[in-house]
Full PDB file with SEQRES, HELIX, SHEET, SSBOND, CRYST1, ORIGX, SCALE, CONECT and MASTER records, all heavy atoms in Angstrom:
SEQRES   1 A   33  ARG ILE SER LEU ASN SER ILE ASP LYS VAL LYS ALA PHE          
SEQRES   2 A   33  VAL ASN GLU VAL THR LYS PHE ASP ALA GLU PHE ASP LEU          
SEQRES   3 A   33  VAL SER GLY ARG TYR VAL ILE                                  
HELIX    1 AA1 ILE A    7  VAL A   17  1                                  11    
SHEET    1 AA1 2 VAL A  27  SER A  28  0                                        
SHEET    2 AA1 2 TYR A  31  VAL A  32 -1                                        
CRYST1    1.000    1.000    1.000  90.00  90.00  90.00 P 1           1          
ORIGX1      1.000000  0.000000  0.000000        0.00000                         
ORIGX2      0.000000  1.000000  0.000000        0.00000                         
ORIGX3      0.000000  0.000000  1.000000        0.00000                         
SCALE1      1.000000  0.000000  0.000000        0.00000                         
SCALE2      0.000000  1.000000  0.000000        0.00000                         
SCALE3      0.000000  0.000000  1.000000        0.00000                         
ATOM      1  N   ARG A   1     -90.186-136.040 -66.153  1.00  0.00           N  
ATOM      2  CA  ARG A   1     -90.891-136.983 -67.013  1.00  0.00           C  
ATOM      3  C   ARG A   1     -92.357-136.559 -67.078  1.00  0.00           C  
ATOM      4  O   ARG A   1     -92.960-136.266 -66.058  1.00  0.00           O  
ATOM      5  CB  ARG A   1     -90.819-138.408 -66.453  1.00  0.00           C  
ATOM      6  CG  ARG A   1     -89.422-138.930 -66.228  1.00  0.00           C  
ATOM      7  CD  ARG A   1     -88.765-139.564 -67.391  1.00  0.00           C  
ATOM      8  NE  ARG A   1     -89.383-140.793 -67.820  1.00  0.00           N  
ATOM      9  CZ  ARG A   1     -89.184-141.300 -69.031  1.00  0.00           C  
ATOM     10  NH1 ARG A   1     -88.414-140.688 -69.877  1.00  0.00           N  
ATOM     11  NH2 ARG A   1     -89.753-142.413 -69.388  1.00  0.00           N  
ATOM     12  N   ILE A   2     -92.899-136.532 -68.284  1.00  0.00           N  
ATOM     13  CA  ILE A   2     -94.312-136.181 -68.425  1.00  0.00           C  
ATOM     14  C   ILE A   2     -95.030-137.229 -69.266  1.00  0.00           C  
ATOM     15  O   ILE A   2     -94.403-137.986 -70.010  1.00  0.00           O  
ATOM     16  CB  ILE A   2     -94.503-134.781 -69.061  1.00  0.00           C  
ATOM     17  CG1 ILE A   2     -93.936-134.741 -70.470  1.00  0.00           C  
ATOM     18  CG2 ILE A   2     -93.895-133.697 -68.193  1.00  0.00           C  
ATOM     19  CD1 ILE A   2     -94.336-133.504 -71.245  1.00  0.00           C  
ATOM     20  N   SER A   3     -96.341-137.261 -69.116  1.00  0.00           N  
ATOM     21  CA  SER A   3     -97.179-138.164 -69.897  1.00  0.00           C  
ATOM     22  C   SER A   3     -98.167-137.333 -70.706  1.00  0.00           C  
ATOM     23  O   SER A   3     -98.895-136.505 -70.154  1.00  0.00           O  
ATOM     24  CB  SER A   3     -97.927-139.111 -68.962  1.00  0.00           C  
ATOM     25  OG  SER A   3     -98.817-139.919 -69.693  1.00  0.00           O  
ATOM     26  N   LEU A   4     -98.180-137.563 -72.007  1.00  0.00           N  
ATOM     27  CA  LEU A   4     -99.102-136.877 -72.914  1.00  0.00           C  
ATOM     28  C   LEU A   4     -99.824-137.948 -73.729  1.00  0.00           C  
ATOM     29  O   LEU A   4     -99.645-138.064 -74.937  1.00  0.00           O  
ATOM     30  CB  LEU A   4     -98.347-135.921 -73.842  1.00  0.00           C  
ATOM     31  CG  LEU A   4     -97.581-134.788 -73.181  1.00  0.00           C  
ATOM     32  CD1 LEU A   4     -96.754-134.029 -74.207  1.00  0.00           C  
ATOM     33  CD2 LEU A   4     -98.527-133.848 -72.459  1.00  0.00           C  
ATOM     34  N   ASN A   5    -100.638-138.759 -73.049  1.00  0.00           N  
ATOM     35  CA  ASN A   5    -101.209-139.940 -73.685  1.00  0.00           C  
ATOM     36  C   ASN A   5    -102.598-139.727 -74.303  1.00  0.00           C  
ATOM     37  O   ASN A   5    -103.284-140.694 -74.590  1.00  0.00           O  
ATOM     38  CB  ASN A   5    -101.241-141.103 -72.697  1.00  0.00           C  
ATOM     39  CG  ASN A   5    -101.958-140.740 -71.402  1.00  0.00           C  
ATOM     40  OD1 ASN A   5    -102.524-139.664 -71.290  1.00  0.00           O  
ATOM     41  ND2 ASN A   5    -101.915-141.635 -70.439  1.00  0.00           N  
ATOM     42  N   SER A   6    -102.998-138.475 -74.495  1.00  0.00           N  
ATOM     43  CA  SER A   6    -104.257-138.216 -75.205  1.00  0.00           C  
ATOM     44  C   SER A   6    -104.139-136.891 -75.960  1.00  0.00           C  
ATOM     45  O   SER A   6    -103.308-136.044 -75.634  1.00  0.00           O  
ATOM     46  CB  SER A   6    -105.437-138.167 -74.233  1.00  0.00           C  
ATOM     47  OG  SER A   6    -105.398-136.977 -73.470  1.00  0.00           O  
ATOM     48  N   ILE A   7    -104.999-136.732 -76.945  1.00  0.00           N  
ATOM     49  CA  ILE A   7    -104.990-135.505 -77.741  1.00  0.00           C  
ATOM     50  C   ILE A   7    -105.310-134.299 -76.866  1.00  0.00           C  
ATOM     51  O   ILE A   7    -104.679-133.245 -76.988  1.00  0.00           O  
ATOM     52  CB  ILE A   7    -105.991-135.622 -78.919  1.00  0.00           C  
ATOM     53  CG1 ILE A   7    -105.494-136.679 -79.909  1.00  0.00           C  
ATOM     54  CG2 ILE A   7    -106.175-134.291 -79.625  1.00  0.00           C  
ATOM     55  CD1 ILE A   7    -106.496-137.038 -80.984  1.00  0.00           C  
ATOM     56  N   ASP A   8    -106.271-134.458 -75.963  1.00  0.00           N  
ATOM     57  CA  ASP A   8    -106.635-133.347 -75.075  1.00  0.00           C  
ATOM     58  C   ASP A   8    -105.481-132.941 -74.172  1.00  0.00           C  
ATOM     59  O   ASP A   8    -105.279-131.756 -73.912  1.00  0.00           O  
ATOM     60  CB  ASP A   8    -107.858-133.711 -74.229  1.00  0.00           C  
ATOM     61  CG  ASP A   8    -109.122-133.811 -75.071  1.00  0.00           C  
ATOM     62  OD1 ASP A   8    -109.182-133.147 -76.131  1.00  0.00           O  
ATOM     63  OD2 ASP A   8    -110.042-134.551 -74.679  1.00  0.00           O  
ATOM     64  N   LYS A   9    -104.712-133.935 -73.679  1.00  0.00           N  
ATOM     65  CA  LYS A   9    -103.559-133.614 -72.832  1.00  0.00           C  
ATOM     66  C   LYS A   9    -102.493-132.867 -73.623  1.00  0.00           C  
ATOM     67  O   LYS A   9    -101.866-131.948 -73.103  1.00  0.00           O  
ATOM     68  CB  LYS A   9    -102.974-134.885 -72.204  1.00  0.00           C  
ATOM     69  CG  LYS A   9    -103.746-135.386 -71.012  1.00  0.00           C  
ATOM     70  CD  LYS A   9    -103.086-136.587 -70.404  1.00  0.00           C  
ATOM     71  CE  LYS A   9    -102.226-136.168 -69.241  1.00  0.00           C  
ATOM     72  NZ  LYS A   9    -101.749-137.322 -68.457  1.00  0.00           N  
ATOM     73  N   VAL A  10    -102.283-133.246 -74.867  1.00  0.00           N  
ATOM     74  CA  VAL A  10    -101.290-132.562 -75.710  1.00  0.00           C  
ATOM     75  C   VAL A  10    -101.701-131.114 -75.915  1.00  0.00           C  
ATOM     76  O   VAL A  10    -100.897-130.198 -75.750  1.00  0.00           O  
ATOM     77  CB  VAL A  10    -101.102-133.292 -77.062  1.00  0.00           C  
ATOM     78  CG1 VAL A  10    -100.253-132.454 -78.006  1.00  0.00           C  
ATOM     79  CG2 VAL A  10    -100.477-134.660 -76.847  1.00  0.00           C  
ATOM     80  N   LYS A  11    -102.973-130.889 -76.239  1.00  0.00           N  
ATOM     81  CA  LYS A  11    -103.448-129.514 -76.465  1.00  0.00           C  
ATOM     82  C   LYS A  11    -103.322-128.676 -75.190  1.00  0.00           C  
ATOM     83  O   LYS A  11    -102.865-127.531 -75.244  1.00  0.00           O  
ATOM     84  CB  LYS A  11    -104.890-129.528 -76.956  1.00  0.00           C  
ATOM     85  CG  LYS A  11    -105.018-130.012 -78.397  1.00  0.00           C  
ATOM     86  CD  LYS A  11    -106.369-129.689 -78.982  1.00  0.00           C  
ATOM     87  CE  LYS A  11    -107.440-130.601 -78.433  1.00  0.00           C  
ATOM     88  NZ  LYS A  11    -108.739-130.478 -79.122  1.00  0.00           N  
ATOM     89  N   ALA A  12    -103.714-129.243 -74.057  1.00  0.00           N  
ATOM     90  CA  ALA A  12    -103.623-128.516 -72.786  1.00  0.00           C  
ATOM     91  C   ALA A  12    -102.168-128.223 -72.431  1.00  0.00           C  
ATOM     92  O   ALA A  12    -101.836-127.125 -71.965  1.00  0.00           O  
ATOM     93  CB  ALA A  12    -104.290-129.322 -71.670  1.00  0.00           C  
ATOM     94  N   PHE A  13    -101.268-129.183 -72.679  1.00  0.00           N  
ATOM     95  CA  PHE A  13     -99.842-129.004 -72.396  1.00  0.00           C  
ATOM     96  C   PHE A  13     -99.258-127.869 -73.232  1.00  0.00           C  
ATOM     97  O   PHE A  13     -98.579-126.987 -72.709  1.00  0.00           O  
ATOM     98  CB  PHE A  13     -99.083-130.315 -72.656  1.00  0.00           C  
ATOM     99  CG  PHE A  13     -97.606-130.182 -72.533  1.00  0.00           C  
ATOM    100  CD1 PHE A  13     -96.996-130.144 -71.291  1.00  0.00           C  
ATOM    101  CD2 PHE A  13     -96.807-130.072 -73.664  1.00  0.00           C  
ATOM    102  CE1 PHE A  13     -95.619-129.998 -71.175  1.00  0.00           C  
ATOM    103  CE2 PHE A  13     -95.436-129.928 -73.556  1.00  0.00           C  
ATOM    104  CZ  PHE A  13     -94.845-129.890 -72.306  1.00  0.00           C  
ATOM    105  N   VAL A  14     -99.536-127.864 -74.533  1.00  0.00           N  
ATOM    106  CA  VAL A  14     -99.009-126.822 -75.416  1.00  0.00           C  
ATOM    107  C   VAL A  14     -99.552-125.462 -74.996  1.00  0.00           C  
ATOM    108  O   VAL A  14     -98.815-124.467 -74.981  1.00  0.00           O  
ATOM    109  CB  VAL A  14     -99.320-127.137 -76.900  1.00  0.00           C  
ATOM    110  CG1 VAL A  14     -98.967-125.959 -77.792  1.00  0.00           C  
ATOM    111  CG2 VAL A  14     -98.557-128.374 -77.340  1.00  0.00           C  
ATOM    112  N   ASN A  15    -100.825-125.396 -74.618  1.00  0.00           N  
ATOM    113  CA  ASN A  15    -101.397-124.132 -74.148  1.00  0.00           C  
ATOM    114  C   ASN A  15    -100.665-123.615 -72.912  1.00  0.00           C  
ATOM    115  O   ASN A  15    -100.456-122.409 -72.775  1.00  0.00           O  
ATOM    116  CB  ASN A  15    -102.890-124.291 -73.843  1.00  0.00           C  
ATOM    117  CG  ASN A  15    -103.730-124.344 -75.092  1.00  0.00           C  
ATOM    118  OD1 ASN A  15    -103.320-123.869 -76.149  1.00  0.00           O  
ATOM    119  ND2 ASN A  15    -104.905-124.932 -74.976  1.00  0.00           N  
ATOM    120  N   GLU A  16    -100.281-124.501 -72.006  1.00  0.00           N  
ATOM    121  CA  GLU A  16     -99.575-124.082 -70.790  1.00  0.00           C  
ATOM    122  C   GLU A  16     -98.145-123.618 -71.087  1.00  0.00           C  
ATOM    123  O   GLU A  16     -97.718-122.577 -70.610  1.00  0.00           O  
ATOM    124  CB  GLU A  16     -99.554-125.206 -69.742  1.00  0.00           C  
ATOM    125  CG  GLU A  16    -100.877-125.429 -69.055  1.00  0.00           C  
ATOM    126  CD  GLU A  16    -101.384-124.211 -68.308  1.00  0.00           C  
ATOM    127  OE1 GLU A  16    -100.585-123.472 -67.703  1.00  0.00           O  
ATOM    128  OE2 GLU A  16    -102.607-123.995 -68.330  1.00  0.00           O  
ATOM    129  N   VAL A  17     -97.382-124.409 -71.852  1.00  0.00           N  
ATOM    130  CA  VAL A  17     -95.970-124.041 -72.072  1.00  0.00           C  
ATOM    131  C   VAL A  17     -95.818-122.794 -72.926  1.00  0.00           C  
ATOM    132  O   VAL A  17     -94.839-122.071 -72.776  1.00  0.00           O  
ATOM    133  CB  VAL A  17     -95.116-125.209 -72.641  1.00  0.00           C  
ATOM    134  CG1 VAL A  17     -95.042-126.352 -71.668  1.00  0.00           C  
ATOM    135  CG2 VAL A  17     -95.602-125.663 -73.996  1.00  0.00           C  
ATOM    136  N   THR A  18     -96.782-122.510 -73.794  1.00  0.00           N  
ATOM    137  CA  THR A  18     -96.654-121.308 -74.617  1.00  0.00           C  
ATOM    138  C   THR A  18     -96.863-120.032 -73.808  1.00  0.00           C  
ATOM    139  O   THR A  18     -96.511-118.951 -74.276  1.00  0.00           O  
ATOM    140  CB  THR A  18     -97.636-121.324 -75.809  1.00  0.00           C  
ATOM    141  OG1 THR A  18     -98.957-121.539 -75.331  1.00  0.00           O  
ATOM    142  CG2 THR A  18     -97.264-122.394 -76.811  1.00  0.00           C  
ATOM    143  N   LYS A  19     -97.388-120.136 -72.609  1.00  0.00           N  
ATOM    144  CA  LYS A  19     -97.575-118.965 -71.745  1.00  0.00           C  
ATOM    145  C   LYS A  19     -96.249-118.471 -71.151  1.00  0.00           C  
ATOM    146  O   LYS A  19     -96.171-117.352 -70.671  1.00  0.00           O  
ATOM    147  CB  LYS A  19     -98.533-119.297 -70.596  1.00  0.00           C  
ATOM    148  CG  LYS A  19     -99.947-119.580 -71.051  1.00  0.00           C  
ATOM    149  CD  LYS A  19    -100.820-120.008 -69.894  1.00  0.00           C  
ATOM    150  CE  LYS A  19    -102.211-120.385 -70.361  1.00  0.00           C  
ATOM    151  NZ  LYS A  19    -103.038-120.902 -69.259  1.00  0.00           N  
ATOM    152  N   PHE A  20     -95.233-119.323 -71.181  1.00  0.00           N  
ATOM    153  CA  PHE A  20     -93.946-118.974 -70.567  1.00  0.00           C  
ATOM    154  C   PHE A  20     -92.945-118.528 -71.624  1.00  0.00           C  
ATOM    155  O   PHE A  20     -92.894-119.082 -72.722  1.00  0.00           O  
ATOM    156  CB  PHE A  20     -93.375-120.177 -69.796  1.00  0.00           C  
ATOM    157  CG  PHE A  20     -94.180-120.556 -68.597  1.00  0.00           C  
ATOM    158  CD1 PHE A  20     -95.060-121.617 -68.630  1.00  0.00           C  
ATOM    159  CD2 PHE A  20     -94.058-119.837 -67.410  1.00  0.00           C  
ATOM    160  CE1 PHE A  20     -95.807-121.970 -67.518  1.00  0.00           C  
ATOM    161  CE2 PHE A  20     -94.798-120.168 -66.298  1.00  0.00           C  
ATOM    162  CZ  PHE A  20     -95.675-121.236 -66.357  1.00  0.00           C  
ATOM    163  N   ASP A  21     -92.129-117.539 -71.251  1.00  0.00           N  
ATOM    164  CA  ASP A  21     -91.055-117.077 -72.123  1.00  0.00           C  
ATOM    165  C   ASP A  21     -89.806-117.887 -71.792  1.00  0.00           C  
ATOM    166  O   ASP A  21     -88.869-117.386 -71.173  1.00  0.00           O  
ATOM    167  CB  ASP A  21     -90.810-115.581 -71.909  1.00  0.00           C  
ATOM    168  CG  ASP A  21     -89.784-115.036 -72.878  1.00  0.00           C  
ATOM    169  OD1 ASP A  21     -89.662-115.595 -73.991  1.00  0.00           O  
ATOM    170  OD2 ASP A  21     -89.084-114.078 -72.520  1.00  0.00           O  
ATOM    171  N   ALA A  22     -89.855-119.155 -72.159  1.00  0.00           N  
ATOM    172  CA  ALA A  22     -88.753-120.078 -71.870  1.00  0.00           C  
ATOM    173  C   ALA A  22     -88.695-121.109 -72.989  1.00  0.00           C  
ATOM    174  O   ALA A  22     -89.642-121.266 -73.747  1.00  0.00           O  
ATOM    175  CB  ALA A  22     -88.967-120.764 -70.527  1.00  0.00           C  
ATOM    176  N   GLU A  23     -87.561-121.798 -73.061  1.00  0.00           N  
ATOM    177  CA  GLU A  23     -87.398-122.857 -74.049  1.00  0.00           C  
ATOM    178  C   GLU A  23     -87.732-124.196 -73.395  1.00  0.00           C  
ATOM    179  O   GLU A  23     -87.298-124.483 -72.278  1.00  0.00           O  
ATOM    180  CB  GLU A  23     -85.955-122.895 -74.562  1.00  0.00           C  
ATOM    181  CG  GLU A  23     -85.549-121.652 -75.325  1.00  0.00           C  
ATOM    182  CD  GLU A  23     -86.292-121.495 -76.633  1.00  0.00           C  
ATOM    183  OE1 GLU A  23     -86.516-122.508 -77.319  1.00  0.00           O  
ATOM    184  OE2 GLU A  23     -86.675-120.358 -76.958  1.00  0.00           O  
ATOM    185  N   PHE A  24     -88.516-125.005 -74.090  1.00  0.00           N  
ATOM    186  CA  PHE A  24     -88.884-126.331 -73.623  1.00  0.00           C  
ATOM    187  C   PHE A  24     -88.584-127.338 -74.727  1.00  0.00           C  
ATOM    188  O   PHE A  24     -88.984-127.115 -75.877  1.00  0.00           O  
ATOM    189  CB  PHE A  24     -90.384-126.414 -73.314  1.00  0.00           C  
ATOM    190  CG  PHE A  24     -90.854-125.488 -72.225  1.00  0.00           C  
ATOM    191  CD1 PHE A  24     -91.284-124.208 -72.524  1.00  0.00           C  
ATOM    192  CD2 PHE A  24     -90.878-125.910 -70.912  1.00  0.00           C  
ATOM    193  CE1 PHE A  24     -91.732-123.354 -71.530  1.00  0.00           C  
ATOM    194  CE2 PHE A  24     -91.330-125.067 -69.910  1.00  0.00           C  
ATOM    195  CZ  PHE A  24     -91.755-123.797 -70.217  1.00  0.00           C  
ATOM    196  N   ASP A  25     -87.912-128.436 -74.392  1.00  0.00           N  
ATOM    197  CA  ASP A  25     -87.649-129.504 -75.349  1.00  0.00           C  
ATOM    198  C   ASP A  25     -88.261-130.792 -74.826  1.00  0.00           C  
ATOM    199  O   ASP A  25     -88.205-131.073 -73.625  1.00  0.00           O  
ATOM    200  CB  ASP A  25     -86.143-129.743 -75.524  1.00  0.00           C  
ATOM    201  CG  ASP A  25     -85.439-128.579 -76.193  1.00  0.00           C  
ATOM    202  OD1 ASP A  25     -86.067-127.923 -77.049  1.00  0.00           O  
ATOM    203  OD2 ASP A  25     -84.268-128.338 -75.866  1.00  0.00           O  
ATOM    204  N   LEU A  26     -88.832-131.584 -75.732  1.00  0.00           N  
ATOM    205  CA  LEU A  26     -89.284-132.925 -75.393  1.00  0.00           C  
ATOM    206  C   LEU A  26     -88.296-133.906 -76.003  1.00  0.00           C  
ATOM    207  O   LEU A  26     -87.930-133.781 -77.174  1.00  0.00           O  
ATOM    208  CB  LEU A  26     -90.693-133.178 -75.939  1.00  0.00           C  
ATOM    209  CG  LEU A  26     -91.804-132.431 -75.218  1.00  0.00           C  
ATOM    210  CD1 LEU A  26     -93.130-132.613 -75.946  1.00  0.00           C  
ATOM    211  CD2 LEU A  26     -91.937-132.900 -73.783  1.00  0.00           C  
ATOM    212  N   VAL A  27     -87.866-134.877 -75.194  1.00  0.00           N  
ATOM    213  CA  VAL A  27     -86.866-135.845 -75.625  1.00  0.00           C  
ATOM    214  C   VAL A  27     -87.460-137.247 -75.540  1.00  0.00           C  
ATOM    215  O   VAL A  27     -87.907-137.672 -74.477  1.00  0.00           O  
ATOM    216  CB  VAL A  27     -85.598-135.761 -74.753  1.00  0.00           C  
ATOM    217  CG1 VAL A  27     -84.554-136.750 -75.237  1.00  0.00           C  
ATOM    218  CG2 VAL A  27     -85.048-134.352 -74.730  1.00  0.00           C  
ATOM    219  N   SER A  28     -87.485-137.921 -76.668  1.00  0.00           N  
ATOM    220  CA  SER A  28     -87.966-139.301 -76.726  1.00  0.00           C  
ATOM    221  C   SER A  28     -86.944-140.093 -77.526  1.00  0.00           C  
ATOM    222  O   SER A  28     -86.848-139.942 -78.746  1.00  0.00           O  
ATOM    223  CB  SER A  28     -89.338-139.358 -77.392  1.00  0.00           C  
ATOM    224  OG  SER A  28     -89.794-140.691 -77.483  1.00  0.00           O  
ATOM    225  N   GLY A  29     -86.163-140.907 -76.816  1.00  0.00           N  
ATOM    226  CA  GLY A  29     -85.080-141.629 -77.487  1.00  0.00           C  
ATOM    227  C   GLY A  29     -84.058-140.646 -78.015  1.00  0.00           C  
ATOM    228  O   GLY A  29     -83.548-139.811 -77.281  1.00  0.00           O  
ATOM    229  N   ARG A  30     -83.799-140.698 -79.314  1.00  0.00           N  
ATOM    230  CA  ARG A  30     -82.825-139.777 -79.908  1.00  0.00           C  
ATOM    231  C   ARG A  30     -83.473-138.546 -80.515  1.00  0.00           C  
ATOM    232  O   ARG A  30     -82.796-137.693 -81.094  1.00  0.00           O  
ATOM    233  CB  ARG A  30     -81.993-140.497 -80.963  1.00  0.00           C  
ATOM    234  CG  ARG A  30     -82.811-140.996 -82.102  1.00  0.00           C  
ATOM    235  CD  ARG A  30     -81.991-141.768 -83.091  1.00  0.00           C  
ATOM    236  NE  ARG A  30     -82.849-142.086 -84.228  1.00  0.00           N  
ATOM    237  CZ  ARG A  30     -82.422-142.496 -85.383  1.00  0.00           C  
ATOM    238  NH1 ARG A  30     -81.145-142.661 -85.569  1.00  0.00           N  
ATOM    239  NH2 ARG A  30     -83.254-142.758 -86.346  1.00  0.00           N  
ATOM    240  N   TYR A  31     -84.798-138.440 -80.411  1.00  0.00           N  
ATOM    241  CA  TYR A  31     -85.512-137.308 -80.975  1.00  0.00           C  
ATOM    242  C   TYR A  31     -85.689-136.194 -79.950  1.00  0.00           C  
ATOM    243  O   TYR A  31     -86.093-136.437 -78.820  1.00  0.00           O  
ATOM    244  CB  TYR A  31     -86.889-137.736 -81.493  1.00  0.00           C  
ATOM    245  CG  TYR A  31     -86.808-138.766 -82.586  1.00  0.00           C  
ATOM    246  CD1 TYR A  31     -87.052-140.098 -82.309  1.00  0.00           C  
ATOM    247  CD2 TYR A  31     -86.447-138.404 -83.878  1.00  0.00           C  
ATOM    248  CE1 TYR A  31     -86.956-141.061 -83.308  1.00  0.00           C  
ATOM    249  CE2 TYR A  31     -86.346-139.345 -84.879  1.00  0.00           C  
ATOM    250  CZ  TYR A  31     -86.599-140.676 -84.590  1.00  0.00           C  
ATOM    251  OH  TYR A  31     -86.484-141.617 -85.573  1.00  0.00           O  
ATOM    252  N   VAL A  32     -85.398-134.965 -80.371  1.00  0.00           N  
ATOM    253  CA  VAL A  32     -85.590-133.784 -79.527  1.00  0.00           C  
ATOM    254  C   VAL A  32     -86.432-132.804 -80.338  1.00  0.00           C  
ATOM    255  O   VAL A  32     -86.053-132.429 -81.451  1.00  0.00           O  
ATOM    256  CB  VAL A  32     -84.244-133.124 -79.153  1.00  0.00           C  
ATOM    257  CG1 VAL A  32     -84.474-131.880 -78.321  1.00  0.00           C  
ATOM    258  CG2 VAL A  32     -83.345-134.105 -78.422  1.00  0.00           C  
ATOM    259  N   ILE A  33     -87.580-132.424 -79.771  1.00  0.00           N  
ATOM    260  CA  ILE A  33     -88.448-131.485 -80.483  1.00  0.00           C  
ATOM    261  C   ILE A  33     -88.842-130.339 -79.557  1.00  0.00           C  
ATOM    262  O   ILE A  33     -88.774-130.458 -78.334  1.00  0.00           O  
ATOM    263  CB  ILE A  33     -89.706-132.186 -81.067  1.00  0.00           C  
ATOM    264  CG1 ILE A  33     -90.550-132.832 -79.969  1.00  0.00           C  
ATOM    265  CG2 ILE A  33     -89.341-133.221 -82.090  1.00  0.00           C  
ATOM    266  CD1 ILE A  33     -91.816-132.110 -79.764  1.00  0.00           C  
TER     267      ILE A  33                                                      
MASTER        0    0    0    1    2    0    0    6  266    1    0    3          
END                                                                             
């Protein structure tokens, strides 16, 4: 479970996950992105 409750946290999160050669999905209810 993660919290991305600010614009700065979202930007920092995306910067971190793009460094990895792996697939990441975020699931909120029935939405998967």
